[in-house]
C-alpha atoms as a PDB file:
ATOM      1  CA  MET A   1      -0.117   0.076  -0.148  1.00  0.00           C
ATOM      2  CA  ALA A   2       1.451   3.434  -1.001  1.00  0.00           C
ATOM      3  CA  ALA A   3       1.382   5.820   1.945  1.00  0.00           C
ATOM      4  CA  PRO A   4      -1.563   8.099   2.538  1.00  0.00           C
ATOM      5  CA  ILE A   5      -1.498  11.587   1.211  1.00  0.00           C
ATOM      6  CA  PRO A   6      -1.334  13.597   4.798  1.00  0.00           C
ATOM      7  CA  ALA A   7      -3.722  16.683   5.413  1.00  0.00           C
ATOM      8  CA  SER A   8      -2.035  19.622   4.825  1.00  0.00           C
ATOM      9  CA  PRO A   9      -1.902  21.974   8.015  1.00  0.00           C
ATOM     10  CA  LEU A  10      -4.064  24.171   5.525  1.00  0.00           C
ATOM     11  CA  PHE A  11      -6.703  21.710   5.511  1.00  0.00           C
ATOM     12  CA  LEU A  12      -9.929  23.803   6.025  1.00  0.00           C
ATOM     13  CA  ARG A  13      -8.573  25.901   2.774  1.00  0.00           C
ATOM     14  CA  GLU A  14     -10.977  25.200  -0.176  1.00  0.00           C
ATOM     15  CA  PRO A  15      -8.759  22.948  -2.360  1.00  0.00           C
ATOM     16  CA  GLU A  16      -8.509  20.581   0.991  1.00  0.00           C
ATOM     17  CA  ILE A  17     -12.022  20.547   1.850  1.00  0.00           C
ATOM     18  CA  ARG A  18     -13.150  19.891  -1.845  1.00  0.00           C
ATOM     19  CA  ARG A  19     -10.537  16.889  -1.926  1.00  0.00           C
ATOM     20  CA  GLY A  20     -12.657  15.598   1.108  1.00  0.00           C
ATOM     21  CA  VAL A  21     -15.907  16.136  -0.782  1.00  0.00           C
ATOM     22  CA  GLU A  22     -14.594  14.039  -3.635  1.00  0.00           C
ATOM     23  CA  LEU A  23     -13.171  11.405  -1.563  1.00  0.00           C
ATOM     24  CA  LEU A  24     -16.585  11.091   0.253  1.00  0.00           C
ATOM     25  CA  TYR A  25     -18.442  10.942  -2.929  1.00  0.00           C
ATOM     26  CA  PHE A  26     -16.605   8.766  -5.178  1.00  0.00           C
ATOM     27  CA  GLY A  27     -15.561   6.149  -1.481  1.00  0.00           C
ATOM     28  CA  TYR A  28     -19.196   6.380  -1.270  1.00  0.00           C
ATOM     29  CA  SER A  29     -20.051   5.604  -5.107  1.00  0.00           C
ATOM     30  CA  HIS A  30     -17.831   2.614  -5.125  1.00  0.00           C
ATOM     31  CA  LEU A  31     -19.206   1.085  -1.765  1.00  0.00           C
ATOM     32  CA  THR A  32     -22.877   0.949  -3.184  1.00  0.00           C
ATOM     33  CA  ARG A  33     -21.995   0.056  -6.561  1.00  0.00           C
ATOM     34  CA  SER A  34     -20.600  -3.380  -5.157  1.00  0.00           C
ATOM     35  CA  ILE A  35     -24.264  -3.705  -4.509  1.00  0.00           C
ATOM     36  CA  ASP A  36     -26.118  -2.572  -6.941  1.00  0.00           C
ATOM     37  CA  GLU A  37     -25.926  -5.774  -9.058  1.00  0.00           C
ATOM     38  CA  GLN A  38     -27.424  -7.543  -6.385  1.00  0.00           C
ATOM     39  CA  LEU A  39     -30.138  -5.004  -5.664  1.00  0.00           C
ATOM     40  CA  SER A  40     -30.968  -4.622  -9.477  1.00  0.00           C
ATOM     41  CA  LYS A  41     -31.792  -8.403 -10.176  1.00  0.00           C
ATOM     42  CA  GLN A  42     -34.679  -8.147  -7.079  1.00  0.00           C
ATOM     43  CA  GLY A  43     -36.032  -5.019  -9.032  1.00  0.00           C
ATOM     44  CA  LEU A  44     -34.599  -2.978  -6.121  1.00  0.00           C
ATOM     45  CA  GLY A  45     -32.364   0.085  -5.689  1.00  0.00           C
ATOM     46  CA  ARG A  46     -30.664   1.916  -2.775  1.00  0.00           C
ATOM     47  CA  ALA A  47     -33.230   2.997  -0.991  1.00  0.00           C
ATOM     48  CA  HIS A  48     -34.353  -0.645  -0.425  1.00  0.00           C
ATOM     49  CA  HIS A  49     -31.348  -1.170   0.592  1.00  0.00           C
ATOM     50  CA  ARG A  50     -31.238   1.446   3.505  1.00  0.00           C
ATOM     51  CA  ALA A  51     -34.621   0.411   4.585  1.00  0.00           C
ATOM     52  CA  LEU A  52     -33.774  -3.306   4.564  1.00  0.00           C
ATOM     53  CA  TYR A  53     -30.702  -2.251   6.460  1.00  0.00           C
ATOM     54  CA  PHE A  54     -32.116  -0.581   9.163  1.00  0.00           C
ATOM     55  CA  ILE A  55     -34.903  -3.151   9.582  1.00  0.00           C
ATOM     56  CA  ALA A  56     -32.042  -5.827  10.281  1.00  0.00           C
ATOM     57  CA  ARG A  57     -30.043  -3.325  12.781  1.00  0.00           C
ATOM     58  CA  LYS A  58     -33.369  -3.053  14.814  1.00  0.00           C
ATOM     59  CA  PRO A  59     -36.154  -5.616  14.199  1.00  0.00           C
ATOM     60  CA  GLY A  60     -39.229  -4.153  15.310  1.00  0.00           C
ATOM     61  CA  LEU A  61     -38.621  -0.920  14.338  1.00  0.00           C
ATOM     62  CA  SER A  62     -41.717   1.365  13.715  1.00  0.00           C
ATOM     63  CA  VAL A  63     -42.440   3.109  10.517  1.00  0.00           C
ATOM     64  CA  SER A  64     -41.941   6.330  12.178  1.00  0.00           C
ATOM     65  CA  GLU A  65     -39.007   5.376  13.098  1.00  0.00           C
ATOM     66  CA  LEU A  66     -37.830   4.521   9.590  1.00  0.00           C
ATOM     67  CA  LEU A  67     -38.872   7.166   8.016  1.00  0.00           C
ATOM     68  CA  ALA A  68     -36.761   9.545  10.646  1.00  0.00           C
ATOM     69  CA  LEU A  69     -33.615   7.599  10.089  1.00  0.00           C
ATOM     70  CA  LEU A  70     -33.879   7.690   6.580  1.00  0.00           C
ATOM     71  CA  ALA A  71     -35.169  11.052   6.312  1.00  0.00           C
ATOM     72  CA  ILE A  72     -37.370  10.624   3.200  1.00  0.00           C
ATOM     73  CA  THR A  73     -40.897  11.494   2.801  1.00  0.00           C
ATOM     74  CA  LYS A  74     -43.896   9.580   3.698  1.00  0.00           C
ATOM     75  CA  GLN A  75     -44.554   8.820  -0.162  1.00  0.00           C
ATOM     76  CA  SER A  76     -41.069   7.524  -1.065  1.00  0.00           C
ATOM     77  CA  LEU A  77     -41.158   5.426   2.488  1.00  0.00           C
ATOM     78  CA  GLY A  78     -44.631   3.944   1.384  1.00  0.00           C
ATOM     79  CA  ARG A  79     -43.297   2.926  -2.000  1.00  0.00           C
ATOM     80  CA  VAL A  80     -40.404   1.285  -0.701  1.00  0.00           C
ATOM     81  CA  LEU A  81     -42.277  -0.421   1.637  1.00  0.00           C
ATOM     82  CA  GLY A  82     -44.551  -1.769  -0.689  1.00  0.00           C
ATOM     83  CA  ASP A  83     -41.921  -3.080  -2.804  1.00  0.00           C
ATOM     84  CA  LEU A  84     -40.352  -4.824   0.181  1.00  0.00           C
ATOM     85  CA  SER A  85     -43.831  -6.169   1.411  1.00  0.00           C
ATOM     86  CA  ASP A  86     -44.969  -7.292  -2.072  1.00  0.00           C
ATOM     87  CA  ARG A  87     -41.766  -8.997  -2.781  1.00  0.00           C
ATOM     88  CA  GLU A  88     -42.079 -10.552   0.726  1.00  0.00           C
ATOM     89  CA  LEU A  89     -38.780  -9.286   2.101  1.00  0.00           C
ATOM     90  CA  VAL A  90     -40.648  -7.253   5.124  1.00  0.00           C
ATOM     91  CA  GLU A  91     -43.568  -7.882   7.606  1.00  0.00           C
ATOM     92  CA  THR A  92     -45.526  -5.045   8.944  1.00  0.00           C
ATOM     93  CA  ARG A  93     -47.103  -5.956  12.078  1.00  0.00           C
ATOM     94  CA  THR A  94     -49.107  -3.752  14.947  1.00  0.00           C
ATOM     95  CA  ASP A  95     -47.615  -2.782  18.034  1.00  0.00           C
ATOM     96  CA  PRO A  96     -49.333  -4.708  20.820  1.00  0.00           C
ATOM     97  CA  LYS A  97     -48.895  -1.839  23.009  1.00  0.00           C
ATOM     98  CA  ASP A  98     -50.188   0.747  20.982  1.00  0.00           C
ATOM     99  CA  ARG A  99     -52.213  -0.278  17.716  1.00  0.00           C
ATOM    100  CA  ARG A 100     -51.394   3.218  16.049  1.00  0.00           C
ATOM    101  CA  ARG A 101     -47.856   1.989  15.603  1.00  0.00           C
ATOM    102  CA  ARG A 102     -46.625  -0.668  12.735  1.00  0.00           C
ATOM    103  CA  MET A 103     -43.460  -2.647  13.325  1.00  0.00           C
ATOM    104  CA  LEU A 104     -41.348  -3.652  10.811  1.00  0.00           C
ATOM    105  CA  THR A 105     -39.322  -7.111  10.880  1.00  0.00           C
ATOM    106  CA  LEU A 106     -37.687  -8.842   7.704  1.00  0.00           C
ATOM    107  CA  THR A 107     -38.913 -12.067   6.584  1.00  0.00           C
ATOM    108  CA  GLU A 108     -36.472 -14.990   6.613  1.00  0.00           C
ATOM    109  CA  SER A 109     -35.867 -14.060   2.859  1.00  0.00           C
ATOM    110  CA  GLY A 110     -35.707 -10.653   3.719  1.00  0.00           C
ATOM    111  CA  ALA A 111     -32.715 -11.620   6.363  1.00  0.00           C
ATOM    112  CA  ALA A 112     -31.100 -13.798   3.484  1.00  0.00           C
ATOM    113  CA  LEU A 113     -30.915 -10.556   1.177  1.00  0.00           C
ATOM    114  CA  GLU A 114     -29.611  -8.286   3.557  1.00  0.00           C
ATOM    115  CA  ALA A 115     -26.828 -10.476   4.799  1.00  0.00           C
ATOM    116  CA  ASP A 116     -25.365 -10.988   1.518  1.00  0.00           C
ATOM    117  CA  LEU A 117     -25.453  -7.236   0.620  1.00  0.00           C
ATOM    118  CA  PHE A 118     -24.127  -6.457   4.407  1.00  0.00           C
ATOM    119  CA  GLU A 119     -21.232  -9.195   3.355  1.00  0.00           C
ATOM    120  CA  ALA A 120     -20.439  -7.586   0.061  1.00  0.00           C
ATOM    121  CA  LEU A 121     -20.260  -4.113   1.823  1.00  0.00           C
ATOM    122  CA  ARG A 122     -18.035  -5.512   4.875  1.00  0.00           C
ATOM    123  CA  ARG A 123     -15.495  -6.773   2.426  1.00  0.00           C
ATOM    124  CA  ARG A 124     -15.043  -4.063   1.045  1.00  0.00           C
ATOM    125  CA  LEU A 125     -14.895  -2.016   3.913  1.00  0.00           C
ATOM    126  CA  SER A 126     -12.670  -4.602   5.728  1.00  0.00           C
ATOM    127  CA  THR A 127     -10.244  -4.120   3.163  1.00  0.00           C
ATOM    128  CA  ALA A 128     -10.398  -0.359   3.263  1.00  0.00           C
ATOM    129  CA  TYR A 129      -9.872  -0.433   6.986  1.00  0.00           C
ATOM    130  CA  SER A 130      -7.094  -2.862   7.081  1.00  0.00           C
ATOM    131  CA  GLU A 131      -5.132  -0.842   4.591  1.00  0.00           C
ATOM    132  CA  ALA A 132      -6.135   2.632   6.097  1.00  0.00           C
ATOM    133  CA  GLY A 133      -5.010   1.163   9.564  1.00  0.00           C
ATOM    134  CA  GLN A 134      -6.635   1.979  12.985  1.00  0.00           C
ATOM    135  CA  GLU A 135      -5.830   5.238  13.404  1.00  0.00           C
ATOM    136  CA  ALA A 136      -6.918   6.318  10.086  1.00  0.00           C
ATOM    137  CA  VAL A 137     -10.396   4.214  10.767  1.00  0.00           C
ATOM    138  CA  GLY A 138     -11.079   6.150  14.003  1.00  0.00           C
ATOM    139  CA  GLY A 139     -10.526   9.702  12.434  1.00  0.00           C
ATOM    140  CA  PHE A 140     -12.620   8.644   9.451  1.00  0.00           C
ATOM    141  CA  TRP A 141     -15.224   7.732  11.912  1.00  0.00           C
ATOM    142  CA  ALA A 142     -14.744  11.261  13.586  1.00  0.00           C
ATOM    143  CA  VAL A 143     -15.002  12.956  10.845  1.00  0.00           C
ATOM    144  CA  LEU A 144     -18.309  11.190   9.731  1.00  0.00           C
ATOM    145  CA  GLU A 145     -19.912  11.688  13.229  1.00  0.00           C
ATOM    146  CA  GLU A 146     -19.177  15.498  12.669  1.00  0.00           C
ATOM    147  CA  LEU A 147     -20.866  15.612   9.655  1.00  0.00           C
ATOM    148  CA  ILE A 148     -23.805  14.634  11.745  1.00  0.00           C
ATOM    149  CA  PRO A 149     -25.629  17.518  13.498  1.00  0.00           C
ATOM    150  CA  LEU A 150     -25.503  17.067  17.591  1.00  0.00           C
ATOM    151  CA  SER A 151     -29.642  16.583  17.646  1.00  0.00           C
ATOM    152  CA  GLU A 152     -29.554  13.952  15.443  1.00  0.00           C
ATOM    153  CA  ARG A 153     -26.420  11.776  16.924  1.00  0.00           C
ATOM    154  CA  GLY A 154     -28.823   9.962  19.367  1.00  0.00           C
ATOM    155  CA  ARG A 155     -30.452   7.651  16.393  1.00  0.00           C
ATOM    156  CA  ILE A 156     -26.883   6.399  15.838  1.00  0.00           C
ATOM    157  CA  GLN A 157     -26.088   5.388  19.668  1.00  0.00           C
ATOM    158  CA  LYS A 158     -29.427   3.543  19.898  1.00  0.00           C
ATOM    159  CA  LEU A 159     -27.894   1.495  16.702  1.00  0.00           C
ATOM    160  CA  ARG A 160     -24.584   1.224  18.231  1.00  0.00           C
ATOM    161  CA  GLU A 161     -26.192   0.486  21.678  1.00  0.00           C
ATOM    162  CA  GLY A 162     -28.157  -2.670  20.362  1.00  0.00           C
ATOM    163  CA  ASP A 163     -24.851  -4.157  19.632  1.00  0.00           C
ATOM    164  CA  ARG A 164     -24.405  -4.497  23.090  1.00  0.00           C
ATOM    165  CA  SER A 165     -27.160  -6.348  23.980  1.00  0.00           C
END
């Protein structure tokens, strides 16, 4: 591996900011391209993948919680959930404690698809993390977290808390 280009001491100048934007854009684009073909074979897209991912991360997630996580319109989420339900990848159940809440879970085939998609992403990120090194990974996470408004970071914390249970 070639040594990474160190950040300039003038890292807040426009060229450095533009480099960061470009790397973020192209890195994410190549990461998601690794699963696009598999999604396409199912007649699905990236919005479907994001829904599958978060439902897998938090089974029993309510529709309103998913709406907040994805930050999309109710109409867009309705279309995505309709597609996933029609393909028998997601089930919607009424919350026994609050009949107004609809809870989402993956079906067996939905869980299998999400696991396959995650494995492709895991391989790509594991390779990149390994090449960049532990210190770089921590720095990368810190920058990404700082991009998220403080008022929304609780959502991420809730997902991570699920990892410990």
